Structure formats: C-alpha cells, structure tokens
Amino acid sequence: MAVLAAIALAQPARAAARDDNPPRLYEDAVRHFNGGDLEVTVIALKEAQSADPGLLPAHVLMARVFLRIAEPAAAEECLRRARRLGADPNIVWPLQAEAMYWQRQYE
C-alpha cells in the first residue's frame, strides 16, 4: 500500500483546470495506462471515481494498475467493487484469478 500512497500523492502539473467529467477522466486514465504512466493513471482514476463512484470501468482499470504494481490485495478489492456494480464476469474473473494467484490463494 505504500506504493499506492506514493502514487496517489504525486500530483503532476496539469495545464488544464481540474475536469470533473468522469468519462473524460476515465479516457485520460486509459490513455496514460496504455502509455505506461501509472502515476497519472491512478490520479485520473481517483478523480473519475470521486466524480462518479459507480463508474464501473474505472474500478476494473484500477485493479489492472494494482496488478501491474504488484498490489494484488488492492486489486482484489477493486474487483469486488466492480462485481457489486455488475461487471461482466468474463472480464473480472481472469483478473481475480491473477490477484488470487499472486496472493498464493490457489484453491
């Protein structure tokens, strides 16, 4: 969790004012995730989730970020929220299996 705290506290300089449009923030997060900039991805996802806590894709993408930075327990929590929001099991379960694998929960 220390890694996440460090990422969440890092605030990159943004040219534009804060944008409270959750879909646009999510799109920014996807673009940064695909570009490998996980710090900015986390910031955009947190802003999107703050503006719309029910934004299902943001929870799934946050789980992917957590898996990439080796925080499987945090990823699993994001996936639980995504399932409660009605996420497609075909998307969630492979990520859930990966999170459980990294936590040595093989059964």
PDB file of N, CA and C in Angstrom:
ATOM      1  N   MET A   1       0.797  -1.194   0.000  1.00  0.00           N
ATOM      2  CA  MET A   1       0.000   0.000   0.000  1.00  0.00           C
ATOM      3  C   MET A   1       0.847   1.268   0.000  1.00  0.00           C
ATOM      4  N   ALA A   2       2.082   1.162   0.424  1.00  0.00           N
ATOM      5  CA  ALA A   2       2.961   2.319   0.430  1.00  0.00           C
ATOM      6  C   ALA A   2       3.181   2.834  -0.986  1.00  0.00           C
ATOM      7  N   VAL A   3       3.240   1.910  -1.935  1.00  0.00           N
ATOM      8  CA  VAL A   3       3.419   2.312  -3.330  1.00  0.00           C
ATOM      9  C   VAL A   3       2.224   3.135  -3.790  1.00  0.00           C
ATOM     10  N   LEU A   4       1.023   2.664  -3.451  1.00  0.00           N
ATOM     11  CA  LEU A   4      -0.183   3.389  -3.845  1.00  0.00           C
ATOM     12  C   LEU A   4      -0.218   4.764  -3.207  1.00  0.00           C
ATOM     13  N   ALA A   5       0.138   4.852  -1.938  1.00  0.00           N
ATOM     14  CA  ALA A   5       0.134   6.141  -1.261  1.00  0.00           C
ATOM     15  C   ALA A   5       1.087   7.110  -1.954  1.00  0.00           C
ATOM     16  N   ALA A   6       2.247   6.617  -2.330  1.00  0.00           N
ATOM     17  CA  ALA A   6       3.212   7.472  -3.017  1.00  0.00           C
ATOM     18  C   ALA A   6       2.671   7.921  -4.367  1.00  0.00           C
ATOM     19  N   ILE A   7       2.022   7.010  -5.076  1.00  0.00           N
ATOM     20  CA  ILE A   7       1.459   7.354  -6.380  1.00  0.00           C
ATOM     21  C   ILE A   7       0.326   8.357  -6.224  1.00  0.00           C
ATOM     22  N   ALA A   8      -0.545   8.112  -5.242  1.00  0.00           N
ATOM     23  CA  ALA A   8      -1.699   8.986  -5.050  1.00  0.00           C
ATOM     24  C   ALA A   8      -1.282  10.391  -4.650  1.00  0.00           C
ATOM     25  N   LEU A   9      -0.173  10.517  -3.941  1.00  0.00           N
ATOM     26  CA  LEU A   9       0.282  11.828  -3.508  1.00  0.00           C
ATOM     27  C   LEU A   9       1.001  12.596  -4.605  1.00  0.00           C
ATOM     28  N   ALA A  10       1.519  11.875  -5.582  1.00  0.00           N
ATOM     29  CA  ALA A  10       2.230  12.536  -6.682  1.00  0.00           C
ATOM     30  C   ALA A  10       1.217  13.279  -7.540  1.00  0.00           C
ATOM     31  N   GLN A  11       1.388  14.559  -7.675  1.00  0.00           N
ATOM     32  CA  GLN A  11       0.465  15.371  -8.466  1.00  0.00           C
ATOM     33  C   GLN A  11       1.215  15.989  -9.633  1.00  0.00           C
ATOM     34  N   PRO A  12       1.033  15.455 -10.823  1.00  0.00           N
ATOM     35  CA  PRO A  12       1.727  16.046 -11.971  1.00  0.00           C
ATOM     36  C   PRO A  12       1.130  17.403 -12.314  1.00  0.00           C
ATOM     37  N   ALA A  13       1.964  18.227 -12.910  1.00  0.00           N
ATOM     38  CA  ALA A  13       1.474  19.539 -13.346  1.00  0.00           C
ATOM     39  C   ALA A  13       0.500  19.319 -14.494  1.00  0.00           C
ATOM     40  N   ARG A  14      -0.654  19.884 -14.359  1.00  0.00           N
ATOM     41  CA  ARG A  14      -1.672  19.758 -15.409  1.00  0.00           C
ATOM     42  C   ARG A  14      -1.929  21.143 -15.978  1.00  0.00           C
ATOM     43  N   ALA A  15      -1.899  21.215 -17.295  1.00  0.00           N
ATOM     44  CA  ALA A  15      -2.100  22.507 -17.957  1.00  0.00           C
ATOM     45  C   ALA A  15      -3.542  22.977 -17.809  1.00  0.00           C
ATOM     46  N   ALA A  16      -4.475  22.041 -17.891  1.00  0.00           N
ATOM     47  CA  ALA A  16      -5.883  22.405 -17.819  1.00  0.00           C
ATOM     48  C   ALA A  16      -6.366  22.368 -16.373  1.00  0.00           C
ATOM     49  N   ALA A  17      -7.462  23.057 -16.133  1.00  0.00           N
ATOM     50  CA  ALA A  17      -8.074  23.011 -14.806  1.00  0.00           C
ATOM     51  C   ALA A  17      -8.643  21.619 -14.563  1.00  0.00           C
ATOM     52  N   ARG A  18      -8.918  21.315 -13.301  1.00  0.00           N
ATOM     53  CA  ARG A  18      -9.453  20.009 -12.937  1.00  0.00           C
ATOM     54  C   ARG A  18     -10.749  19.770 -13.702  1.00  0.00           C
ATOM     55  N   ASP A  19     -10.867  18.588 -14.257  1.00  0.00           N
ATOM     56  CA  ASP A  19     -12.014  18.226 -15.077  1.00  0.00           C
ATOM     57  C   ASP A  19     -12.855  17.226 -14.303  1.00  0.00           C
ATOM     58  N   ASP A  20     -14.132  17.539 -14.065  1.00  0.00           N
ATOM     59  CA  ASP A  20     -14.999  16.639 -13.310  1.00  0.00           C
ATOM     60  C   ASP A  20     -15.890  15.797 -14.213  1.00  0.00           C
ATOM     61  N   ASN A  21     -15.501  15.591 -15.451  1.00  0.00           N
ATOM     62  CA  ASN A  21     -16.266  14.766 -16.370  1.00  0.00           C
ATOM     63  C   ASN A  21     -15.741  13.334 -16.260  1.00  0.00           C
ATOM     64  N   PRO A  22     -16.449  12.439 -15.525  1.00  0.00           N
ATOM     65  CA  PRO A  22     -15.923  11.088 -15.285  1.00  0.00           C
ATOM     66  C   PRO A  22     -15.544  10.313 -16.549  1.00  0.00           C
ATOM     67  N   PRO A  23     -16.375  10.312 -17.596  1.00  0.00           N
ATOM     68  CA  PRO A  23     -15.953   9.570 -18.797  1.00  0.00           C
ATOM     69  C   PRO A  23     -14.658  10.115 -19.415  1.00  0.00           C
ATOM     70  N   ARG A  24     -14.510  11.423 -19.426  1.00  0.00           N
ATOM     71  CA  ARG A  24     -13.284  12.012 -19.977  1.00  0.00           C
ATOM     72  C   ARG A  24     -12.079  11.670 -19.100  1.00  0.00           C
ATOM     73  N   LEU A  25     -12.263  11.715 -17.784  1.00  0.00           N
ATOM     74  CA  LEU A  25     -11.180  11.344 -16.869  1.00  0.00           C
ATOM     75  C   LEU A  25     -10.793   9.885 -17.061  1.00  0.00           C
ATOM     76  N   TYR A  26     -11.795   9.031 -17.257  1.00  0.00           N
ATOM     77  CA  TYR A  26     -11.515   7.614 -17.493  1.00  0.00           C
ATOM     78  C   TYR A  26     -10.746   7.428 -18.801  1.00  0.00           C
ATOM     79  N   GLU A  27     -11.153   8.131 -19.842  1.00  0.00           N
ATOM     80  CA  GLU A  27     -10.438   8.051 -21.123  1.00  0.00           C
ATOM     81  C   GLU A  27      -8.989   8.509 -20.971  1.00  0.00           C
ATOM     82  N   ASP A  28      -8.775   9.564 -20.189  1.00  0.00           N
ATOM     83  CA  ASP A  28      -7.404  10.013 -19.913  1.00  0.00           C
ATOM     84  C   ASP A  28      -6.617   8.913 -19.213  1.00  0.00           C
ATOM     85  N   ALA A  29      -7.265   8.268 -18.236  1.00  0.00           N
ATOM     86  CA  ALA A  29      -6.605   7.195 -17.491  1.00  0.00           C
ATOM     87  C   ALA A  29      -6.221   6.050 -18.418  1.00  0.00           C
ATOM     88  N   VAL A  30      -7.112   5.670 -19.321  1.00  0.00           N
ATOM     89  CA  VAL A  30      -6.814   4.587 -20.267  1.00  0.00           C
ATOM     90  C   VAL A  30      -5.628   4.965 -21.143  1.00  0.00           C
ATOM     91  N   ARG A  31      -5.627   6.190 -21.632  1.00  0.00           N
ATOM     92  CA  ARG A  31      -4.522   6.642 -22.486  1.00  0.00           C
ATOM     93  C   ARG A  31      -3.187   6.582 -21.729  1.00  0.00           C
ATOM     94  N   HIS A  32      -3.180   7.030 -20.490  1.00  0.00           N
ATOM     95  CA  HIS A  32      -1.950   7.004 -19.694  1.00  0.00           C
ATOM     96  C   HIS A  32      -1.553   5.574 -19.327  1.00  0.00           C
ATOM     97  N   PHE A  33      -2.534   4.737 -19.042  1.00  0.00           N
ATOM     98  CA  PHE A  33      -2.251   3.331 -18.730  1.00  0.00           C
ATOM     99  C   PHE A  33      -1.590   2.656 -19.931  1.00  0.00           C
ATOM    100  N   ASN A  34      -2.160   2.875 -21.104  1.00  0.00           N
ATOM    101  CA  ASN A  34      -1.589   2.285 -22.321  1.00  0.00           C
ATOM    102  C   ASN A  34      -0.206   2.842 -22.625  1.00  0.00           C
ATOM    103  N   GLY A  35       0.053   4.064 -22.194  1.00  0.00           N
ATOM    104  CA  GLY A  35       1.366   4.674 -22.385  1.00  0.00           C
ATOM    105  C   GLY A  35       2.355   4.302 -21.286  1.00  0.00           C
ATOM    106  N   GLY A  36       1.892   3.569 -20.279  1.00  0.00           N
ATOM    107  CA  GLY A  36       2.779   3.116 -19.212  1.00  0.00           C
ATOM    108  C   GLY A  36       2.972   4.103 -18.074  1.00  0.00           C
ATOM    109  N   ASP A  37       2.234   5.195 -18.059  1.00  0.00           N
ATOM    110  CA  ASP A  37       2.361   6.197 -16.996  1.00  0.00           C
ATOM    111  C   ASP A  37       1.341   5.889 -15.898  1.00  0.00           C
ATOM    112  N   LEU A  38       1.720   5.004 -14.987  1.00  0.00           N
ATOM    113  CA  LEU A  38       0.799   4.525 -13.967  1.00  0.00           C
ATOM    114  C   LEU A  38       0.466   5.579 -12.915  1.00  0.00           C
ATOM    115  N   GLU A  39       1.398   6.480 -12.633  1.00  0.00           N
ATOM    116  CA  GLU A  39       1.117   7.526 -11.647  1.00  0.00           C
ATOM    117  C   GLU A  39      -0.030   8.415 -12.108  1.00  0.00           C
ATOM    118  N   VAL A  40       0.032   8.865 -13.336  1.00  0.00           N
ATOM    119  CA  VAL A  40      -1.023   9.727 -13.865  1.00  0.00           C
ATOM    120  C   VAL A  40      -2.316   8.917 -14.037  1.00  0.00           C
ATOM    121  N   THR A  41      -2.195   7.643 -14.366  1.00  0.00           N
ATOM    122  CA  THR A  41      -3.374   6.784 -14.474  1.00  0.00           C
ATOM    123  C   THR A  41      -4.123   6.747 -13.160  1.00  0.00           C
ATOM    124  N   VAL A  42      -3.406   6.527 -12.072  1.00  0.00           N
ATOM    125  CA  VAL A  42      -4.041   6.449 -10.752  1.00  0.00           C
ATOM    126  C   VAL A  42      -4.713   7.776 -10.405  1.00  0.00           C
ATOM    127  N   ILE A  43      -4.052   8.872 -10.682  1.00  0.00           N
ATOM    128  CA  ILE A  43      -4.633  10.183 -10.376  1.00  0.00           C
ATOM    129  C   ILE A  43      -5.924  10.389 -11.165  1.00  0.00           C
ATOM    130  N   ALA A  44      -5.902  10.096 -12.457  1.00  0.00           N
ATOM    131  CA  ALA A  44      -7.102  10.268 -13.287  1.00  0.00           C
ATOM    132  C   ALA A  44      -8.219   9.345 -12.819  1.00  0.00           C
ATOM    133  N   LEU A  45      -7.881   8.105 -12.444  1.00  0.00           N
ATOM    134  CA  LEU A  45      -8.902   7.169 -11.973  1.00  0.00           C
ATOM    135  C   LEU A  45      -9.500   7.619 -10.646  1.00  0.00           C
ATOM    136  N   LYS A  46      -8.674   8.112  -9.745  1.00  0.00           N
ATOM    137  CA  LYS A  46      -9.184   8.605  -8.464  1.00  0.00           C
ATOM    138  C   LYS A  46     -10.109   9.800  -8.677  1.00  0.00           C
ATOM    139  N   GLU A  47      -9.752  10.685  -9.594  1.00  0.00           N
ATOM    140  CA  GLU A  47     -10.623  11.823  -9.905  1.00  0.00           C
ATOM    141  C   GLU A  47     -11.933  11.348 -10.512  1.00  0.00           C
ATOM    142  N   ALA A  48     -11.868  10.376 -11.421  1.00  0.00           N
ATOM    143  CA  ALA A  48     -13.078   9.836 -12.042  1.00  0.00           C
ATOM    144  C   ALA A  48     -13.966   9.156 -11.009  1.00  0.00           C
ATOM    145  N   GLN A  49     -13.361   8.373 -10.125  1.00  0.00           N
ATOM    146  CA  GLN A  49     -14.137   7.685  -9.090  1.00  0.00           C
ATOM    147  C   GLN A  49     -14.708   8.671  -8.081  1.00  0.00           C
ATOM    148  N   SER A  50     -14.003   9.748  -7.828  1.00  0.00           N
ATOM    149  CA  SER A  50     -14.511  10.771  -6.923  1.00  0.00           C
ATOM    150  C   SER A  50     -15.741  11.457  -7.529  1.00  0.00           C
ATOM    151  N   ALA A  51     -15.679  11.724  -8.826  1.00  0.00           N
ATOM    152  CA  ALA A  51     -16.798  12.372  -9.512  1.00  0.00           C
ATOM    153  C   ALA A  51     -17.966  11.415  -9.720  1.00  0.00           C
ATOM    154  N   ASP A  52     -17.677  10.128  -9.899  1.00  0.00           N
ATOM    155  CA  ASP A  52     -18.726   9.119 -10.111  1.00  0.00           C
ATOM    156  C   ASP A  52     -18.272   7.791  -9.508  1.00  0.00           C
ATOM    157  N   PRO A  53     -18.606   7.525  -8.223  1.00  0.00           N
ATOM    158  CA  PRO A  53     -18.165   6.290  -7.566  1.00  0.00           C
ATOM    159  C   PRO A  53     -18.678   5.013  -8.234  1.00  0.00           C
ATOM    160  N   GLY A  54     -19.701   5.125  -9.040  1.00  0.00           N
ATOM    161  CA  GLY A  54     -20.256   3.960  -9.716  1.00  0.00           C
ATOM    162  C   GLY A  54     -19.707   3.719 -11.107  1.00  0.00           C
ATOM    163  N   LEU A  55     -18.647   4.422 -11.468  1.00  0.00           N
ATOM    164  CA  LEU A  55     -18.048   4.270 -12.801  1.00  0.00           C
ATOM    165  C   LEU A  55     -17.310   2.937 -12.871  1.00  0.00           C
ATOM    166  N   LEU A  56     -18.011   1.924 -13.301  1.00  0.00           N
ATOM    167  CA  LEU A  56     -17.519   0.553 -13.285  1.00  0.00           C
ATOM    168  C   LEU A  56     -16.181   0.356 -13.981  1.00  0.00           C
ATOM    169  N   PRO A  57     -15.955   0.863 -15.186  1.00  0.00           N
ATOM    170  CA  PRO A  57     -14.671   0.628 -15.848  1.00  0.00           C
ATOM    171  C   PRO A  57     -13.479   1.186 -15.068  1.00  0.00           C
ATOM    172  N   ALA A  58     -13.704   2.240 -14.292  1.00  0.00           N
ATOM    173  CA  ALA A  58     -12.613   2.814 -13.507  1.00  0.00           C
ATOM    174  C   ALA A  58     -12.134   1.831 -12.446  1.00  0.00           C
ATOM    175  N   HIS A  59     -13.062   1.080 -11.858  1.00  0.00           N
ATOM    176  CA  HIS A  59     -12.682   0.086 -10.847  1.00  0.00           C
ATOM    177  C   HIS A  59     -11.880  -1.052 -11.477  1.00  0.00           C
ATOM    178  N   VAL A  60     -12.295  -1.466 -12.658  1.00  0.00           N
ATOM    179  CA  VAL A  60     -11.586  -2.554 -13.338  1.00  0.00           C
ATOM    180  C   VAL A  60     -10.183  -2.098 -13.747  1.00  0.00           C
ATOM    181  N   LEU A  61     -10.085  -0.897 -14.291  1.00  0.00           N
ATOM    182  CA  LEU A  61      -8.768  -0.400 -14.693  1.00  0.00           C
ATOM    183  C   LEU A  61      -7.865  -0.196 -13.474  1.00  0.00           C
ATOM    184  N   MET A  62      -8.437   0.266 -12.374  1.00  0.00           N
ATOM    185  CA  MET A  62      -7.636   0.430 -11.159  1.00  0.00           C
ATOM    186  C   MET A  62      -7.103  -0.938 -10.704  1.00  0.00           C
ATOM    187  N   ALA A  63      -7.905  -1.969 -10.832  1.00  0.00           N
ATOM    188  CA  ALA A  63      -7.431  -3.320 -10.489  1.00  0.00           C
ATOM    189  C   ALA A  63      -6.258  -3.711 -11.381  1.00  0.00           C
ATOM    190  N   ARG A  64      -6.340  -3.387 -12.654  1.00  0.00           N
ATOM    191  CA  ARG A  64      -5.232  -3.690 -13.563  1.00  0.00           C
ATOM    192  C   ARG A  64      -3.952  -2.953 -13.153  1.00  0.00           C
ATOM    193  N   VAL A  65      -4.117  -1.703 -12.734  1.00  0.00           N
ATOM    194  CA  VAL A  65      -2.962  -0.933 -12.264  1.00  0.00           C
ATOM    195  C   VAL A  65      -2.358  -1.615 -11.038  1.00  0.00           C
ATOM    196  N   PHE A  66      -3.198  -1.990 -10.088  1.00  0.00           N
ATOM    197  CA  PHE A  66      -2.708  -2.636  -8.875  1.00  0.00           C
ATOM    198  C   PHE A  66      -1.994  -3.945  -9.189  1.00  0.00           C
ATOM    199  N   LEU A  67      -2.501  -4.692 -10.144  1.00  0.00           N
ATOM    200  CA  LEU A  67      -1.811  -5.919 -10.530  1.00  0.00           C
ATOM    201  C   LEU A  67      -0.456  -5.604 -11.147  1.00  0.00           C
ATOM    202  N   ARG A  68      -0.392  -4.546 -11.919  1.00  0.00           N
ATOM    203  CA  ARG A  68       0.864  -4.179 -12.572  1.00  0.00           C
ATOM    204  C   ARG A  68       1.920  -3.717 -11.569  1.00  0.00           C
ATOM    205  N   ILE A  69       1.483  -3.101 -10.458  1.00  0.00           N
ATOM    206  CA  ILE A  69       2.450  -2.634  -9.451  1.00  0.00           C
ATOM    207  C   ILE A  69       2.570  -3.616  -8.290  1.00  0.00           C
ATOM    208  N   ALA A  70       2.099  -4.833  -8.492  1.00  0.00           N
ATOM    209  CA  ALA A  70       2.243  -5.918  -7.507  1.00  0.00           C
ATOM    210  C   ALA A  70       1.532  -5.624  -6.193  1.00  0.00           C
ATOM    211  N   GLU A  71       0.285  -5.187  -6.290  1.00  0.00           N
ATOM    212  CA  GLU A  71      -0.572  -4.977  -5.124  1.00  0.00           C
ATOM    213  C   GLU A  71      -1.852  -5.796  -5.323  1.00  0.00           C
ATOM    214  N   PRO A  72      -1.747  -7.145  -5.282  1.00  0.00           N
ATOM    215  CA  PRO A  72      -2.898  -7.982  -5.605  1.00  0.00           C
ATOM    216  C   PRO A  72      -4.073  -7.857  -4.638  1.00  0.00           C
ATOM    217  N   ALA A  73      -3.825  -7.603  -3.367  1.00  0.00           N
ATOM    218  CA  ALA A  73      -4.939  -7.457  -2.418  1.00  0.00           C
ATOM    219  C   ALA A  73      -5.770  -6.223  -2.758  1.00  0.00           C
ATOM    220  N   ALA A  74      -5.113  -5.132  -3.125  1.00  0.00           N
ATOM    221  CA  ALA A  74      -5.826  -3.918  -3.523  1.00  0.00           C
ATOM    222  C   ALA A  74      -6.590  -4.156  -4.823  1.00  0.00           C
ATOM    223  N   ALA A  75      -5.988  -4.904  -5.738  1.00  0.00           N
ATOM    224  CA  ALA A  75      -6.667  -5.237  -6.994  1.00  0.00           C
ATOM    225  C   ALA A  75      -7.925  -6.041  -6.712  1.00  0.00           C
ATOM    226  N   GLU A  76      -7.816  -6.983  -5.796  1.00  0.00           N
ATOM    227  CA  GLU A  76      -8.962  -7.821  -5.462  1.00  0.00           C
ATOM    228  C   GLU A  76     -10.111  -6.981  -4.895  1.00  0.00           C
ATOM    229  N   GLU A  77      -9.792  -5.997  -4.084  1.00  0.00           N
ATOM    230  CA  GLU A  77     -10.825  -5.117  -3.531  1.00  0.00           C
ATOM    231  C   GLU A  77     -11.509  -4.318  -4.644  1.00  0.00           C
ATOM    232  N   CYS A  78     -10.740  -3.816  -5.591  1.00  0.00           N
ATOM    233  CA  CYS A  78     -11.324  -3.097  -6.736  1.00  0.00           C
ATOM    234  C   CYS A  78     -12.250  -4.011  -7.525  1.00  0.00           C
ATOM    235  N   LEU A  79     -11.847  -5.244  -7.693  1.00  0.00           N
ATOM    236  CA  LEU A  79     -12.666  -6.199  -8.442  1.00  0.00           C
ATOM    237  C   LEU A  79     -13.937  -6.562  -7.685  1.00  0.00           C
ATOM    238  N   ARG A  80     -13.873  -6.612  -6.370  1.00  0.00           N
ATOM    239  CA  ARG A  80     -15.099  -6.851  -5.577  1.00  0.00           C
ATOM    240  C   ARG A  80     -16.099  -5.721  -5.816  1.00  0.00           C
ATOM    241  N   ARG A  81     -15.588  -4.481  -5.782  1.00  0.00           N
ATOM    242  CA  ARG A  81     -16.472  -3.340  -6.048  1.00  0.00           C
ATOM    243  C   ARG A  81     -17.057  -3.426  -7.450  1.00  0.00           C
ATOM    244  N   ALA A  82     -16.227  -3.793  -8.410  1.00  0.00           N
ATOM    245  CA  ALA A  82     -16.691  -3.902  -9.800  1.00  0.00           C
ATOM    246  C   ALA A  82     -17.787  -4.964  -9.910  1.00  0.00           C
ATOM    247  N   ARG A  83     -17.613  -6.090  -9.240  1.00  0.00           N
ATOM    248  CA  ARG A  83     -18.644  -7.140  -9.268  1.00  0.00           C
ATOM    249  C   ARG A  83     -19.944  -6.642  -8.654  1.00  0.00           C
ATOM    250  N   ARG A  84     -19.845  -5.900  -7.545  1.00  0.00           N
ATOM    251  CA  ARG A  84     -21.054  -5.354  -6.910  1.00  0.00           C
ATOM    252  C   ARG A  84     -21.772  -4.378  -7.846  1.00  0.00           C
ATOM    253  N   LEU A  85     -21.001  -3.708  -8.702  1.00  0.00           N
ATOM    254  CA  LEU A  85     -21.588  -2.757  -9.642  1.00  0.00           C
ATOM    255  C   LEU A  85     -22.115  -3.442 -10.909  1.00  0.00           C
ATOM    256  N   GLY A  86     -21.897  -4.758 -11.017  1.00  0.00           N
ATOM    257  CA  GLY A  86     -22.435  -5.502 -12.152  1.00  0.00           C
ATOM    258  C   GLY A  86     -21.462  -5.750 -13.280  1.00  0.00           C
ATOM    259  N   ALA A  87     -20.186  -5.803 -12.990  1.00  0.00           N
ATOM    260  CA  ALA A  87     -19.181  -6.034 -14.036  1.00  0.00           C
ATOM    261  C   ALA A  87     -19.364  -7.392 -14.685  1.00  0.00           C
ATOM    262  N   ASP A  88     -18.995  -7.478 -15.935  1.00  0.00           N
ATOM    263  CA  ASP A  88     -19.047  -8.719 -16.695  1.00  0.00           C
ATOM    264  C   ASP A  88     -18.068  -9.728 -16.088  1.00  0.00           C
ATOM    265  N   PRO A  89     -18.561 -10.906 -15.674  1.00  0.00           N
ATOM    266  CA  PRO A  89     -17.668 -11.912 -15.082  1.00  0.00           C
ATOM    267  C   PRO A  89     -16.529 -12.325 -16.011  1.00  0.00           C
ATOM    268  N   ASN A  90     -16.744 -12.278 -17.311  1.00  0.00           N
ATOM    269  CA  ASN A  90     -15.690 -12.654 -18.256  1.00  0.00           C
ATOM    270  C   ASN A  90     -14.506 -11.690 -18.212  1.00  0.00           C
ATOM    271  N   ILE A  91     -14.737 -10.488 -17.729  1.00  0.00           N
ATOM    272  CA  ILE A  91     -13.662  -9.515 -17.575  1.00  0.00           C
ATOM    273  C   ILE A  91     -13.052  -9.618 -16.176  1.00  0.00           C
ATOM    274  N   VAL A  92     -13.917  -9.750 -15.173  1.00  0.00           N
ATOM    275  CA  VAL A  92     -13.466  -9.702 -13.784  1.00  0.00           C
ATOM    276  C   VAL A  92     -12.746 -10.973 -13.343  1.00  0.00           C
ATOM    277  N   TRP A  93     -13.264 -12.135 -13.692  1.00  0.00           N
ATOM    278  CA  TRP A  93     -12.710 -13.375 -13.139  1.00  0.00           C
ATOM    279  C   TRP A  93     -11.264 -13.654 -13.549  1.00  0.00           C
ATOM    280  N   PRO A  94     -10.843 -13.398 -14.773  1.00  0.00           N
ATOM    281  CA  PRO A  94      -9.411 -13.597 -15.067  1.00  0.00           C
ATOM    282  C   PRO A  94      -8.503 -12.693 -14.228  1.00  0.00           C
ATOM    283  N   LEU A  95      -8.934 -11.460 -14.003  1.00  0.00           N
ATOM    284  CA  LEU A  95      -8.158 -10.557 -13.160  1.00  0.00           C
ATOM    285  C   LEU A  95      -8.188 -11.019 -11.710  1.00  0.00           C
ATOM    286  N   GLN A  96      -9.349 -11.496 -11.274  1.00  0.00           N
ATOM    287  CA  GLN A  96      -9.491 -12.023  -9.915  1.00  0.00           C
ATOM    288  C   GLN A  96      -8.569 -13.230  -9.718  1.00  0.00           C
ATOM    289  N   ALA A  97      -8.530 -14.096 -10.714  1.00  0.00           N
ATOM    290  CA  ALA A  97      -7.660 -15.275 -10.633  1.00  0.00           C
ATOM    291  C   ALA A  97      -6.197 -14.857 -10.537  1.00  0.00           C
ATOM    292  N   GLU A  98      -5.807 -13.847 -11.296  1.00  0.00           N
ATOM    293  CA  GLU A  98      -4.424 -13.371 -11.233  1.00  0.00           C
ATOM    294  C   GLU A  98      -4.116 -12.793  -9.850  1.00  0.00           C
ATOM    295  N   ALA A  99      -5.046 -12.014  -9.306  1.00  0.00           N
ATOM    296  CA  ALA A  99      -4.842 -11.435  -7.973  1.00  0.00           C
ATOM    297  C   ALA A  99      -4.716 -12.535  -6.926  1.00  0.00           C
ATOM    298  N   MET A 100      -5.557 -13.543  -7.026  1.00  0.00           N
ATOM    299  CA  MET A 100      -5.513 -14.646  -6.061  1.00  0.00           C
ATOM    300  C   MET A 100      -4.224 -15.447  -6.222  1.00  0.00           C
ATOM    301  N   TYR A 101      -3.790 -15.644  -7.438  1.00  0.00           N
ATOM    302  CA  TYR A 101      -2.548 -16.366  -7.690  1.00  0.00           C
ATOM    303  C   TYR A 101      -1.375 -15.670  -7.000  1.00  0.00           C
ATOM    304  N   TRP A 102      -1.281 -14.329  -7.170  1.00  0.00           N
ATOM    305  CA  TRP A 102      -0.182 -13.582  -6.574  1.00  0.00           C
ATOM    306  C   TRP A 102      -0.240 -13.563  -5.054  1.00  0.00           C
ATOM    307  N   GLN A 103      -1.430 -13.818  -4.502  1.00  0.00           N
ATOM    308  CA  GLN A 103      -1.566 -13.892  -3.044  1.00  0.00           C
ATOM    309  C   GLN A 103      -1.444 -15.328  -2.547  1.00  0.00           C
ATOM    310  N   ARG A 104      -1.109 -16.229  -3.451  1.00  0.00           N
ATOM    311  CA  ARG A 104      -0.945 -17.647  -3.154  1.00  0.00           C
ATOM    312  C   ARG A 104      -2.242 -18.286  -2.658  1.00  0.00           C
ATOM    313  N   GLN A 105      -3.350 -17.833  -3.209  1.00  0.00           N
ATOM    314  CA  GLN A 105      -4.662 -18.409  -2.909  1.00  0.00           C
ATOM    315  C   GLN A 105      -5.049 -19.311  -4.082  1.00  0.00           C
ATOM    316  N   TYR A 106      -4.461 -20.463  -4.153  1.00  0.00           N
ATOM    317  CA  TYR A 106      -4.574 -21.307  -5.324  1.00  0.00           C
ATOM    318  C   TYR A 106      -5.868 -22.086  -5.412  1.00  0.00           C
ATOM    319  N   GLU A 107      -6.588 -22.272  -4.338  1.00  0.00           N
ATOM    320  CA  GLU A 107      -7.779 -23.118  -4.381  1.00  0.00           C
ATOM    321  C   GLU A 107      -9.004 -22.387  -4.853  1.00  0.00           C
TER     322      GLU A 107
END
